């Protein structure tokens, strides 16, 4: 009985996770927006609020209390330095001049159906 329930739930999950074809209403885009269209096109180089000619270089120092004994952010034991996860990029990055909109950072594109039940 449990095995049959497990098999049925696995088949159901696989059917939900399987990507649909283009004629099933799947949209492939460079970003996602919950409200309306995207402001920036697929070839944009920077957000409007970013100055691409801003001065570069210099030193930033972050203060923290305490010490660390590992540089591995995924290790369960030990003390990690503050801000260690700032060295990793995310798949998508939010646009600060659009509500609930994200554009691909590491991800090249994103696919989403019209009913928004999954994202690939």
PDB file of N, CA and C in Angstrom:
ATOM      1  N   UNK A   1       0.817  -1.191   0.000  1.00  0.00           N
ATOM      2  CA  UNK A   1       0.000   0.000   0.000  1.00  0.00           C
ATOM      3  C   UNK A   1       0.864   1.259   0.000  1.00  0.00           C
ATOM      4  N   UNK A   2       1.889   1.282   0.869  1.00  0.00           N
ATOM      5  CA  UNK A   2       2.772   2.446   0.931  1.00  0.00           C
ATOM      6  C   UNK A   2       3.579   2.589  -0.351  1.00  0.00           C
ATOM      7  N   UNK A   3       3.989   1.452  -0.926  1.00  0.00           N
ATOM      8  CA  UNK A   3       4.780   1.502  -2.156  1.00  0.00           C
ATOM      9  C   UNK A   3       3.935   2.063  -3.300  1.00  0.00           C
ATOM     10  N   UNK A   4       2.697   1.658  -3.380  1.00  0.00           N
ATOM     11  CA  UNK A   4       1.815   2.165  -4.434  1.00  0.00           C
ATOM     12  C   UNK A   4       1.590   3.661  -4.265  1.00  0.00           C
ATOM     13  N   UNK A   5       1.413   4.117  -3.044  1.00  0.00           N
ATOM     14  CA  UNK A   5       1.228   5.550  -2.799  1.00  0.00           C
ATOM     15  C   UNK A   5       2.488   6.317  -3.164  1.00  0.00           C
ATOM     16  N   UNK A   6       3.646   5.739  -2.833  1.00  0.00           N
ATOM     17  CA  UNK A   6       4.909   6.390  -3.167  1.00  0.00           C
ATOM     18  C   UNK A   6       5.089   6.482  -4.680  1.00  0.00           C
ATOM     19  N   UNK A   7       4.795   5.394  -5.394  1.00  0.00           N
ATOM     20  CA  UNK A   7       4.945   5.382  -6.852  1.00  0.00           C
ATOM     21  C   UNK A   7       3.993   6.387  -7.489  1.00  0.00           C
ATOM     22  N   UNK A   8       2.757   6.430  -7.031  1.00  0.00           N
ATOM     23  CA  UNK A   8       1.797   7.391  -7.578  1.00  0.00           C
ATOM     24  C   UNK A   8       2.219   8.826  -7.302  1.00  0.00           C
ATOM     25  N   UNK A   9       2.709   9.091  -6.092  1.00  0.00           N
ATOM     26  CA  UNK A   9       3.149  10.456  -5.788  1.00  0.00           C
ATOM     27  C   UNK A   9       4.384  10.819  -6.594  1.00  0.00           C
ATOM     28  N   UNK A  10       5.296   9.876  -6.822  1.00  0.00           N
ATOM     29  CA  UNK A  10       6.472  10.145  -7.639  1.00  0.00           C
ATOM     30  C   UNK A  10       6.088  10.421  -9.085  1.00  0.00           C
ATOM     31  N   UNK A  11       5.149   9.648  -9.627  1.00  0.00           N
ATOM     32  CA  UNK A  11       4.683   9.897 -11.000  1.00  0.00           C
ATOM     33  C   UNK A  11       3.985  11.242 -11.113  1.00  0.00           C
ATOM     34  N   UNK A  12       3.195  11.593 -10.105  1.00  0.00           N
ATOM     35  CA  UNK A  12       2.506  12.880 -10.103  1.00  0.00           C
ATOM     36  C   UNK A  12       3.510  14.033 -10.042  1.00  0.00           C
ATOM     37  N   UNK A  13       4.535  13.888  -9.195  1.00  0.00           N
ATOM     38  CA  UNK A  13       5.567  14.923  -9.094  1.00  0.00           C
ATOM     39  C   UNK A  13       6.347  15.044 -10.392  1.00  0.00           C
ATOM     40  N   UNK A  14       6.634  13.914 -11.046  1.00  0.00           N
ATOM     41  CA  UNK A  14       7.357  13.957 -12.319  1.00  0.00           C
ATOM     42  C   UNK A  14       6.517  14.621 -13.397  1.00  0.00           C
ATOM     43  N   UNK A  15       5.212  14.379 -13.382  1.00  0.00           N
ATOM     44  CA  UNK A  15       4.336  15.018 -14.368  1.00  0.00           C
ATOM     45  C   UNK A  15       4.273  16.518 -14.148  1.00  0.00           C
ATOM     46  N   UNK A  16       4.282  16.950 -12.902  1.00  0.00           N
ATOM     47  CA  UNK A  16       4.267  18.386 -12.615  1.00  0.00           C
ATOM     48  C   UNK A  16       5.594  19.036 -12.972  1.00  0.00           C
ATOM     49  N   UNK A  17       6.691  18.332 -12.753  1.00  0.00           N
ATOM     50  CA  UNK A  17       8.012  18.903 -12.986  1.00  0.00           C
ATOM     51  C   UNK A  17       8.410  18.873 -14.447  1.00  0.00           C
ATOM     52  N   UNK A  18       7.765  18.062 -15.251  1.00  0.00           N
ATOM     53  CA  UNK A  18       8.142  17.953 -16.657  1.00  0.00           C
ATOM     54  C   UNK A  18       7.814  19.251 -17.390  1.00  0.00           C
ATOM     55  N   UNK A  19       8.776  19.812 -18.103  1.00  0.00           N
ATOM     56  CA  UNK A  19       8.513  21.044 -18.818  1.00  0.00           C
ATOM     57  C   UNK A  19       7.555  20.834 -19.976  1.00  0.00           C
ATOM     58  N   UNK A  20       6.718  21.800 -20.201  1.00  0.00           N
ATOM     59  CA  UNK A  20       5.767  21.729 -21.309  1.00  0.00           C
ATOM     60  C   UNK A  20       6.418  22.255 -22.577  1.00  0.00           C
ATOM     61  N   UNK A  21       5.825  21.955 -23.701  1.00  0.00           N
ATOM     62  CA  UNK A  21       6.361  22.443 -24.966  1.00  0.00           C
ATOM     63  C   UNK A  21       5.922  23.892 -25.178  1.00  0.00           C
ATOM     64  N   UNK A  22       6.479  24.531 -26.203  1.00  0.00           N
ATOM     65  CA  UNK A  22       6.207  25.943 -26.459  1.00  0.00           C
ATOM     66  C   UNK A  22       4.739  26.198 -26.780  1.00  0.00           C
ATOM     67  N   UNK A  23       4.043  25.210 -27.360  1.00  0.00           N
ATOM     68  CA  UNK A  23       2.645  25.418 -27.695  1.00  0.00           C
ATOM     69  C   UNK A  23       1.730  25.256 -26.481  1.00  0.00           C
ATOM     70  N   UNK A  24       2.267  24.885 -25.321  1.00  0.00           N
ATOM     71  CA  UNK A  24       1.481  24.771 -24.103  1.00  0.00           C
ATOM     72  C   UNK A  24       1.455  26.064 -23.301  1.00  0.00           C
ATOM     73  N   UNK A  25       1.902  27.161 -23.860  1.00  0.00           N
ATOM     74  CA  UNK A  25       1.865  28.440 -23.170  1.00  0.00           C
ATOM     75  C   UNK A  25       3.066  28.704 -22.287  1.00  0.00           C
ATOM     76  N   UNK A  26       4.217  28.134 -22.622  1.00  0.00           N
ATOM     77  CA  UNK A  26       5.430  28.351 -21.842  1.00  0.00           C
ATOM     78  C   UNK A  26       6.171  29.550 -22.419  1.00  0.00           C
ATOM     79  N   UNK A  27       6.533  30.492 -21.545  1.00  0.00           N
ATOM     80  CA  UNK A  27       7.246  31.684 -21.956  1.00  0.00           C
ATOM     81  C   UNK A  27       8.702  31.576 -21.533  1.00  0.00           C
ATOM     82  N   UNK A  28       9.611  31.818 -22.474  1.00  0.00           N
ATOM     83  CA  UNK A  28      11.042  31.840 -22.169  1.00  0.00           C
ATOM     84  C   UNK A  28      11.495  33.291 -22.224  1.00  0.00           C
ATOM     85  N   UNK A  29      12.131  33.744 -21.150  1.00  0.00           N
ATOM     86  CA  UNK A  29      12.496  35.152 -21.055  1.00  0.00           C
ATOM     87  C   UNK A  29      13.825  35.304 -20.321  1.00  0.00           C
ATOM     88  N   UNK A  30      14.353  36.519 -20.325  1.00  0.00           N
ATOM     89  CA  UNK A  30      15.594  36.839 -19.617  1.00  0.00           C
ATOM     90  C   UNK A  30      15.328  37.304 -18.191  1.00  0.00           C
ATOM     91  N   UNK A  31      14.043  37.424 -17.834  1.00  0.00           N
ATOM     92  CA  UNK A  31      13.681  37.870 -16.493  1.00  0.00           C
ATOM     93  C   UNK A  31      12.245  37.513 -16.164  1.00  0.00           C
ATOM     94  N   UNK A  32      11.870  37.747 -14.913  1.00  0.00           N
ATOM     95  CA  UNK A  32      10.514  37.482 -14.443  1.00  0.00           C
ATOM     96  C   UNK A  32       9.925  38.731 -13.817  1.00  0.00           C
ATOM     97  N   UNK A  33       8.639  38.959 -14.055  1.00  0.00           N
ATOM     98  CA  UNK A  33       7.932  40.060 -13.422  1.00  0.00           C
ATOM     99  C   UNK A  33       6.566  39.577 -12.978  1.00  0.00           C
ATOM    100  N   UNK A  34       6.226  39.836 -11.728  1.00  0.00           N
ATOM    101  CA  UNK A  34       4.908  39.453 -11.237  1.00  0.00           C
ATOM    102  C   UNK A  34       3.843  40.456 -11.664  1.00  0.00           C
ATOM    103  N   UNK A  35       4.259  41.686 -11.960  1.00  0.00           N
ATOM    104  CA  UNK A  35       3.308  42.743 -12.324  1.00  0.00           C
ATOM    105  C   UNK A  35       3.679  43.336 -13.676  1.00  0.00           C
ATOM    106  N   UNK A  36       3.028  42.928 -14.736  1.00  0.00           N
ATOM    107  CA  UNK A  36       3.219  43.542 -16.048  1.00  0.00           C
ATOM    108  C   UNK A  36       4.471  43.093 -16.770  1.00  0.00           C
ATOM    109  N   UNK A  37       4.899  43.936 -17.711  1.00  0.00           N
ATOM    110  CA  UNK A  37       6.038  43.616 -18.565  1.00  0.00           C
ATOM    111  C   UNK A  37       7.350  44.024 -17.912  1.00  0.00           C
ATOM    112  N   UNK A  38       8.430  43.467 -18.457  1.00  0.00           N
ATOM    113  CA  UNK A  38       9.760  43.822 -17.980  1.00  0.00           C
ATOM    114  C   UNK A  38      10.167  45.180 -18.524  1.00  0.00           C
ATOM    115  N   UNK A  39      10.849  45.971 -17.727  1.00  0.00           N
ATOM    116  CA  UNK A  39      11.292  47.306 -18.135  1.00  0.00           C
ATOM    117  C   UNK A  39      12.507  47.228 -19.056  1.00  0.00           C
ATOM    118  N   UNK A  40      13.411  46.310 -18.779  1.00  0.00           N
ATOM    119  CA  UNK A  40      14.660  46.212 -19.527  1.00  0.00           C
ATOM    120  C   UNK A  40      14.612  45.051 -20.513  1.00  0.00           C
ATOM    121  N   UNK A  41      15.164  45.267 -21.678  1.00  0.00           N
ATOM    122  CA  UNK A  41      15.191  44.244 -22.717  1.00  0.00           C
ATOM    123  C   UNK A  41      16.268  43.207 -22.461  1.00  0.00           C
ATOM    124  N   UNK A  42      16.344  42.195 -23.317  1.00  0.00           N
ATOM    125  CA  UNK A  42      17.316  41.119 -23.099  1.00  0.00           C
ATOM    126  C   UNK A  42      18.769  41.545 -23.273  1.00  0.00           C
ATOM    127  N   UNK A  43      19.023  42.659 -23.928  1.00  0.00           N
ATOM    128  CA  UNK A  43      20.397  43.092 -24.186  1.00  0.00           C
ATOM    129  C   UNK A  43      20.843  44.248 -23.295  1.00  0.00           C
ATOM    130  N   UNK A  44      20.129  44.515 -22.186  1.00  0.00           N
ATOM    131  CA  UNK A  44      20.506  45.667 -21.377  1.00  0.00           C
ATOM    132  C   UNK A  44      21.843  45.408 -20.685  1.00  0.00           C
ATOM    133  N   UNK A  45      22.622  46.466 -20.524  1.00  0.00           N
ATOM    134  CA  UNK A  45      23.954  46.335 -19.929  1.00  0.00           C
ATOM    135  C   UNK A  45      23.986  46.773 -18.469  1.00  0.00           C
ATOM    136  N   UNK A  46      23.088  47.678 -18.075  1.00  0.00           N
ATOM    137  CA  UNK A  46      23.037  48.122 -16.690  1.00  0.00           C
ATOM    138  C   UNK A  46      21.650  48.693 -16.398  1.00  0.00           C
ATOM    139  N   UNK A  47      21.290  48.695 -15.127  1.00  0.00           N
ATOM    140  CA  UNK A  47      20.026  49.291 -14.710  1.00  0.00           C
ATOM    141  C   UNK A  47      20.120  50.813 -14.826  1.00  0.00           C
ATOM    142  N   UNK A  48      18.970  51.485 -14.960  1.00  0.00           N
ATOM    143  CA  UNK A  48      18.955  52.939 -15.104  1.00  0.00           C
ATOM    144  C   UNK A  48      19.526  53.648 -13.886  1.00  0.00           C
ATOM    145  N   UNK A  49      19.397  53.071 -12.725  1.00  0.00           N
ATOM    146  CA  UNK A  49      19.872  53.711 -11.504  1.00  0.00           C
ATOM    147  C   UNK A  49      21.351  53.444 -11.220  1.00  0.00           C
ATOM    148  N   UNK A  50      22.036  52.726 -12.108  1.00  0.00           N
ATOM    149  CA  UNK A  50      23.456  52.416 -11.940  1.00  0.00           C
ATOM    150  C   UNK A  50      24.277  53.305 -12.862  1.00  0.00           C
ATOM    151  N   UNK A  51      25.354  53.869 -12.351  1.00  0.00           N
ATOM    152  CA  UNK A  51      26.264  54.680 -13.148  1.00  0.00           C
ATOM    153  C   UNK A  51      27.391  53.784 -13.653  1.00  0.00           C
ATOM    154  N   UNK A  52      27.413  53.449 -14.955  1.00  0.00           N
ATOM    155  CA  UNK A  52      28.478  52.575 -15.453  1.00  0.00           C
ATOM    156  C   UNK A  52      29.848  53.254 -15.452  1.00  0.00           C
ATOM    157  N   UNK A  53      29.882  54.587 -15.345  1.00  0.00           N
ATOM    158  CA  UNK A  53      31.145  55.326 -15.328  1.00  0.00           C
ATOM    159  C   UNK A  53      31.584  55.681 -13.912  1.00  0.00           C
ATOM    160  N   UNK A  54      31.017  55.026 -12.913  1.00  0.00           N
ATOM    161  CA  UNK A  54      31.380  55.289 -11.522  1.00  0.00           C
ATOM    162  C   UNK A  54      32.838  54.917 -11.291  1.00  0.00           C
ATOM    163  N   UNK A  55      33.504  55.630 -10.382  1.00  0.00           N
ATOM    164  CA  UNK A  55      34.900  55.285 -10.093  1.00  0.00           C
ATOM    165  C   UNK A  55      35.015  53.866  -9.546  1.00  0.00           C
ATOM    166  N   UNK A  56      36.065  53.191  -9.965  1.00  0.00           N
ATOM    167  CA  UNK A  56      36.273  51.814  -9.540  1.00  0.00           C
ATOM    168  C   UNK A  56      37.580  51.712  -8.763  1.00  0.00           C
ATOM    169  N   UNK A  57      37.647  50.709  -7.909  1.00  0.00           N
ATOM    170  CA  UNK A  57      38.855  50.506  -7.111  1.00  0.00           C
ATOM    171  C   UNK A  57      38.643  50.984  -5.692  1.00  0.00           C
ATOM    172  N   UNK A  58      39.695  50.950  -4.909  1.00  0.00           N
ATOM    173  CA  UNK A  58      39.615  51.377  -3.520  1.00  0.00           C
ATOM    174  C   UNK A  58      39.579  50.193  -2.580  1.00  0.00           C
ATOM    175  N   UNK A  59      39.317  50.492  -1.320  1.00  0.00           N
ATOM    176  CA  UNK A  59      39.310  49.470  -0.275  1.00  0.00           C
ATOM    177  C   UNK A  59      38.043  49.593   0.542  1.00  0.00           C
ATOM    178  N   UNK A  60      37.451  48.466   0.840  1.00  0.00           N
ATOM    179  CA  UNK A  60      36.294  48.418   1.734  1.00  0.00           C
ATOM    180  C   UNK A  60      36.678  47.538   2.906  1.00  0.00           C
ATOM    181  N   UNK A  61      36.424  48.034   4.094  1.00  0.00           N
ATOM    182  CA  UNK A  61      36.704  47.258   5.297  1.00  0.00           C
ATOM    183  C   UNK A  61      35.422  47.103   6.083  1.00  0.00           C
ATOM    184  N   UNK A  62      35.120  45.874   6.439  1.00  0.00           N
ATOM    185  CA  UNK A  62      33.937  45.567   7.234  1.00  0.00           C
ATOM    186  C   UNK A  62      34.375  45.224   8.647  1.00  0.00           C
ATOM    187  N   UNK A  63      33.703  45.771   9.608  1.00  0.00           N
ATOM    188  CA  UNK A  63      34.006  45.477  11.004  1.00  0.00           C
ATOM    189  C   UNK A  63      33.047  44.418  11.515  1.00  0.00           C
ATOM    190  N   UNK A  64      33.545  43.579  12.376  1.00  0.00           N
ATOM    191  CA  UNK A  64      32.719  42.566  13.000  1.00  0.00           C
ATOM    192  C   UNK A  64      33.287  42.245  14.375  1.00  0.00           C
ATOM    193  N   UNK A  65      32.465  41.718  15.220  1.00  0.00           N
ATOM    194  CA  UNK A  65      32.905  41.325  16.547  1.00  0.00           C
ATOM    195  C   UNK A  65      33.150  39.822  16.548  1.00  0.00           C
ATOM    196  N   UNK A  66      34.260  39.417  17.071  1.00  0.00           N
ATOM    197  CA  UNK A  66      34.568  37.995  17.138  1.00  0.00           C
ATOM    198  C   UNK A  66      35.652  37.609  16.158  1.00  0.00           C
ATOM    199  N   UNK A  67      35.780  36.324  15.961  1.00  0.00           N
ATOM    200  CA  UNK A  67      36.811  35.789  15.095  1.00  0.00           C
ATOM    201  C   UNK A  67      36.227  34.648  14.273  1.00  0.00           C
ATOM    202  N   UNK A  68      37.051  34.039  13.443  1.00  0.00           N
ATOM    203  CA  UNK A  68      36.599  32.900  12.654  1.00  0.00           C
ATOM    204  C   UNK A  68      37.698  31.849  12.633  1.00  0.00           C
ATOM    205  N   UNK A  69      37.300  30.617  12.391  1.00  0.00           N
ATOM    206  CA  UNK A  69      38.277  29.545  12.302  1.00  0.00           C
ATOM    207  C   UNK A  69      38.083  28.671  11.071  1.00  0.00           C
ATOM    208  N   UNK A  70      37.219  29.086  10.148  1.00  0.00           N
ATOM    209  CA  UNK A  70      37.039  28.361   8.898  1.00  0.00           C
ATOM    210  C   UNK A  70      36.578  29.334   7.817  1.00  0.00           C
ATOM    211  N   UNK A  71      37.004  29.063   6.605  1.00  0.00           N
ATOM    212  CA  UNK A  71      36.534  29.836   5.457  1.00  0.00           C
ATOM    213  C   UNK A  71      35.550  29.039   4.623  1.00  0.00           C
ATOM    214  N   UNK A  72      35.157  27.870   5.103  1.00  0.00           N
ATOM    215  CA  UNK A  72      34.186  27.034   4.420  1.00  0.00           C
ATOM    216  C   UNK A  72      32.791  27.421   4.916  1.00  0.00           C
ATOM    217  N   UNK A  73      31.974  28.073   4.081  1.00  0.00           N
ATOM    218  CA  UNK A  73      30.661  28.529   4.557  1.00  0.00           C
ATOM    219  C   UNK A  73      29.669  27.392   4.778  1.00  0.00           C
ATOM    220  N   UNK A  74      29.948  26.201   4.252  1.00  0.00           N
ATOM    221  CA  UNK A  74      29.014  25.091   4.374  1.00  0.00           C
ATOM    222  C   UNK A  74      29.373  24.125   5.505  1.00  0.00           C
ATOM    223  N   UNK A  75      30.458  24.382   6.182  1.00  0.00           N
ATOM    224  CA  UNK A  75      30.857  23.533   7.298  1.00  0.00           C
ATOM    225  C   UNK A  75      29.949  23.825   8.486  1.00  0.00           C
ATOM    226  N   UNK A  76      29.476  22.773   9.132  1.00  0.00           N
ATOM    227  CA  UNK A  76      28.550  22.940  10.245  1.00  0.00           C
ATOM    228  C   UNK A  76      29.252  23.339  11.533  1.00  0.00           C
ATOM    229  N   UNK A  77      30.471  22.902  11.726  1.00  0.00           N
ATOM    230  CA  UNK A  77      31.213  23.243  12.942  1.00  0.00           C
ATOM    231  C   UNK A  77      32.113  24.432  12.668  1.00  0.00           C
ATOM    232  N   UNK A  78      32.402  25.175  13.705  1.00  0.00           N
ATOM    233  CA  UNK A  78      33.318  26.296  13.573  1.00  0.00           C
ATOM    234  C   UNK A  78      32.595  27.613  13.395  1.00  0.00           C
ATOM    235  N   UNK A  79      33.369  28.679  13.399  1.00  0.00           N
ATOM    236  CA  UNK A  79      32.843  30.037  13.239  1.00  0.00           C
ATOM    237  C   UNK A  79      33.262  30.572  11.886  1.00  0.00           C
ATOM    238  N   UNK A  80      32.289  30.942  11.089  1.00  0.00           N
ATOM    239  CA  UNK A  80      32.558  31.478   9.767  1.00  0.00           C
ATOM    240  C   UNK A  80      32.721  32.993   9.860  1.00  0.00           C
ATOM    241  N   UNK A  81      33.508  33.602   8.977  1.00  0.00           N
ATOM    242  CA  UNK A  81      33.634  35.056   9.013  1.00  0.00           C
ATOM    243  C   UNK A  81      32.341  35.731   8.551  1.00  0.00           C
ATOM    244  N   UNK A  82      32.103  36.908   9.049  1.00  0.00           N
ATOM    245  CA  UNK A  82      30.904  37.657   8.657  1.00  0.00           C
ATOM    246  C   UNK A  82      30.969  37.979   7.170  1.00  0.00           C
ATOM    247  N   UNK A  83      29.852  37.829   6.474  1.00  0.00           N
ATOM    248  CA  UNK A  83      29.777  38.177   5.057  1.00  0.00           C
ATOM    249  C   UNK A  83      30.390  37.168   4.126  1.00  0.00           C
ATOM    250  N   UNK A  84      30.632  35.948   4.561  1.00  0.00           N
ATOM    251  CA  UNK A  84      31.281  34.946   3.709  1.00  0.00           C
ATOM    252  C   UNK A  84      30.420  34.581   2.509  1.00  0.00           C
ATOM    253  N   UNK A  85      29.095  34.665   2.640  1.00  0.00           N
ATOM    254  CA  UNK A  85      28.219  34.326   1.517  1.00  0.00           C
ATOM    255  C   UNK A  85      28.113  35.447   0.496  1.00  0.00           C
ATOM    256  N   UNK A  86      28.726  36.587   0.738  1.00  0.00           N
ATOM    257  CA  UNK A  86      28.702  37.684  -0.223  1.00  0.00           C
ATOM    258  C   UNK A  86      29.573  37.393  -1.448  1.00  0.00           C
ATOM    259  N   UNK A  87      30.313  36.312  -1.421  1.00  0.00           N
ATOM    260  CA  UNK A  87      31.207  35.975  -2.525  1.00  0.00           C
ATOM    261  C   UNK A  87      30.534  35.119  -3.586  1.00  0.00           C
ATOM    262  N   UNK A  88      29.280  34.785  -3.388  1.00  0.00           N
ATOM    263  CA  UNK A  88      28.569  33.918  -4.318  1.00  0.00           C
ATOM    264  C   UNK A  88      27.514  34.719  -5.070  1.00  0.00           C
ATOM    265  N   UNK A  89      27.373  34.457  -6.361  1.00  0.00           N
ATOM    266  CA  UNK A  89      26.314  35.075  -7.152  1.00  0.00           C
ATOM    267  C   UNK A  89      25.053  34.221  -7.088  1.00  0.00           C
ATOM    268  N   UNK A  90      23.924  34.865  -7.344  1.00  0.00           N
ATOM    269  CA  UNK A  90      22.647  34.174  -7.365  1.00  0.00           C
ATOM    270  C   UNK A  90      22.223  33.932  -8.813  1.00  0.00           C
ATOM    271  N   UNK A  91      21.226  33.082  -9.022  1.00  0.00           N
ATOM    272  CA  UNK A  91      20.746  32.830 -10.371  1.00  0.00           C
ATOM    273  C   UNK A  91      20.093  34.070 -10.971  1.00  0.00           C
ATOM    274  N   UNK A  92      19.336  34.791 -10.151  1.00  0.00           N
ATOM    275  CA  UNK A  92      18.645  35.986 -10.635  1.00  0.00           C
ATOM    276  C   UNK A  92      18.883  37.126  -9.657  1.00  0.00           C
ATOM    277  N   UNK A  93      18.744  38.374 -10.160  1.00  0.00           N
ATOM    278  CA  UNK A  93      18.995  39.554  -9.342  1.00  0.00           C
ATOM    279  C   UNK A  93      17.795  40.487  -9.441  1.00  0.00           C
ATOM    280  N   UNK A  94      17.346  41.060  -8.325  1.00  0.00           N
ATOM    281  CA  UNK A  94      16.170  41.937  -8.377  1.00  0.00           C
ATOM    282  C   UNK A  94      16.494  43.288  -9.004  1.00  0.00           C
ATOM    283  N   UNK A  95      15.498  43.869  -9.625  1.00  0.00           N
ATOM    284  CA  UNK A  95      15.592  45.228 -10.137  1.00  0.00           C
ATOM    285  C   UNK A  95      14.977  46.139  -9.090  1.00  0.00           C
ATOM    286  N   UNK A  96      15.747  47.127  -8.631  1.00  0.00           N
ATOM    287  CA  UNK A  96      15.271  47.975  -7.544  1.00  0.00           C
ATOM    288  C   UNK A  96      14.339  49.092  -8.010  1.00  0.00           C
ATOM    289  N   UNK A  97      14.150  49.251  -9.319  1.00  0.00           N
ATOM    290  CA  UNK A  97      13.200  50.255  -9.793  1.00  0.00           C
ATOM    291  C   UNK A  97      11.942  49.626 -10.395  1.00  0.00           C
ATOM    292  N   UNK A  98      11.748  48.340 -10.172  1.00  0.00           N
ATOM    293  CA  UNK A  98      10.536  47.629 -10.580  1.00  0.00           C
ATOM    294  C   UNK A  98      10.089  46.739  -9.429  1.00  0.00           C
ATOM    295  N   UNK A  99       8.801  46.717  -9.118  1.00  0.00           N
ATOM    296  CA  UNK A  99       8.351  45.848  -8.023  1.00  0.00           C
ATOM    297  C   UNK A  99       8.317  44.380  -8.448  1.00  0.00           C
ATOM    298  N   UNK A 100       8.843  43.519  -7.616  1.00  0.00           N
ATOM    299  CA  UNK A 100       8.813  42.061  -7.818  1.00  0.00           C
ATOM    300  C   UNK A 100       9.261  41.638  -9.210  1.00  0.00           C
ATOM    301  N   UNK A 101      10.427  42.130  -9.615  1.00  0.00           N
ATOM    302  CA  UNK A 101      11.006  41.784 -10.906  1.00  0.00           C
ATOM    303  C   UNK A 101      12.437  41.316 -10.699  1.00  0.00           C
ATOM    304  N   UNK A 102      12.813  40.252 -11.372  1.00  0.00           N
ATOM    305  CA  UNK A 102      14.183  39.753 -11.297  1.00  0.00           C
ATOM    306  C   UNK A 102      14.681  39.440 -12.699  1.00  0.00           C
ATOM    307  N   UNK A 103      15.974  39.697 -12.908  1.00  0.00           N
ATOM    308  CA  UNK A 103      16.627  39.425 -14.182  1.00  0.00           C
ATOM    309  C   UNK A 103      17.721  38.391 -13.967  1.00  0.00           C
ATOM    310  N   UNK A 104      18.008  37.619 -15.015  1.00  0.00           N
ATOM    311  CA  UNK A 104      19.024  36.590 -14.911  1.00  0.00           C
ATOM    312  C   UNK A 104      20.392  37.178 -14.632  1.00  0.00           C
ATOM    313  N   UNK A 105      21.082  36.630 -13.640  1.00  0.00           N
ATOM    314  CA  UNK A 105      22.451  37.032 -13.348  1.00  0.00           C
ATOM    315  C   UNK A 105      23.380  35.898 -13.794  1.00  0.00           C
ATOM    316  N   UNK A 106      23.315  34.776 -13.154  1.00  0.00           N
ATOM    317  CA  UNK A 106      24.033  33.596 -13.611  1.00  0.00           C
ATOM    318  C   UNK A 106      23.175  32.854 -14.645  1.00  0.00           C
ATOM    319  N   UNK A 107      21.872  32.840 -14.434  1.00  0.00           N
ATOM    320  CA  UNK A 107      20.948  32.178 -15.361  1.00  0.00           C
ATOM    321  C   UNK A 107      20.842  32.984 -16.655  1.00  0.00           C
ATOM    322  N   UNK A 108      20.887  32.306 -17.778  1.00  0.00           N
ATOM    323  CA  UNK A 108      20.764  32.969 -19.070  1.00  0.00           C
ATOM    324  C   UNK A 108      19.305  33.241 -19.422  1.00  0.00           C
ATOM    325  N   UNK A 109      18.416  32.342 -19.021  1.00  0.00           N
ATOM    326  CA  UNK A 109      16.998  32.508 -19.317  1.00  0.00           C
ATOM    327  C   UNK A 109      16.180  31.755 -18.286  1.00  0.00           C
ATOM    328  N   UNK A 110      14.883  32.020 -18.299  1.00  0.00           N
ATOM    329  CA  UNK A 110      13.957  31.360 -17.391  1.00  0.00           C
ATOM    330  C   UNK A 110      12.693  31.033 -18.179  1.00  0.00           C
ATOM    331  N   UNK A 111      12.125  29.858 -17.923  1.00  0.00           N
ATOM    332  CA  UNK A 111      10.892  29.438 -18.586  1.00  0.00           C
ATOM    333  C   UNK A 111       9.793  29.329 -17.538  1.00  0.00           C
ATOM    334  N   UNK A 112       8.614  29.832 -17.880  1.00  0.00           N
ATOM    335  CA  UNK A 112       7.486  29.794 -16.951  1.00  0.00           C
ATOM    336  C   UNK A 112       6.196  29.635 -17.745  1.00  0.00           C
ATOM    337  N   UNK A 113       5.286  28.766 -17.297  1.00  0.00           N
ATOM    338  CA  UNK A 113       4.010  28.609 -18.005  1.00  0.00           C
ATOM    339  C   UNK A 113       3.054  29.735 -17.643  1.00  0.00           C
ATOM    340  N   UNK A 114       1.973  29.836 -18.383  1.00  0.00           N
ATOM    341  CA  UNK A 114       1.006  30.903 -18.128  1.00  0.00           C
ATOM    342  C   UNK A 114       0.313  30.756 -16.782  1.00  0.00           C
ATOM    343  N   UNK A 115       0.173  29.527 -16.268  1.00  0.00           N
ATOM    344  CA  UNK A 115      -0.470  29.348 -14.964  1.00  0.00           C
ATOM    345  C   UNK A 115       0.516  29.494 -13.808  1.00  0.00           C
ATOM    346  N   UNK A 116       1.815  29.713 -14.085  1.00  0.00           N
ATOM    347  CA  UNK A 116       2.859  29.962 -13.093  1.00  0.00           C
ATOM    348  C   UNK A 116       2.966  28.866 -12.034  1.00  0.00           C
ATOM    349  N   UNK A 117       2.834  27.615 -12.450  1.00  0.00           N
ATOM    350  CA  UNK A 117       2.929  26.512 -11.503  1.00  0.00           C
ATOM    351  C   UNK A 117       4.357  26.003 -11.327  1.00  0.00           C
ATOM    352  N   UNK A 118       5.260  26.350 -12.230  1.00  0.00           N
ATOM    353  CA  UNK A 118       6.644  25.934 -12.118  1.00  0.00           C
ATOM    354  C   UNK A 118       7.551  26.923 -12.847  1.00  0.00           C
ATOM    355  N   UNK A 119       8.816  26.861 -12.541  1.00  0.00           N
ATOM    356  CA  UNK A 119       9.826  27.704 -13.196  1.00  0.00           C
ATOM    357  C   UNK A 119      11.012  26.825 -13.522  1.00  0.00           C
ATOM    358  N   UNK A 120      11.557  27.040 -14.705  1.00  0.00           N
ATOM    359  CA  UNK A 120      12.721  26.243 -15.111  1.00  0.00           C
ATOM    360  C   UNK A 120      13.763  27.159 -15.671  1.00  0.00           C
TER     361      UNK A 120
END
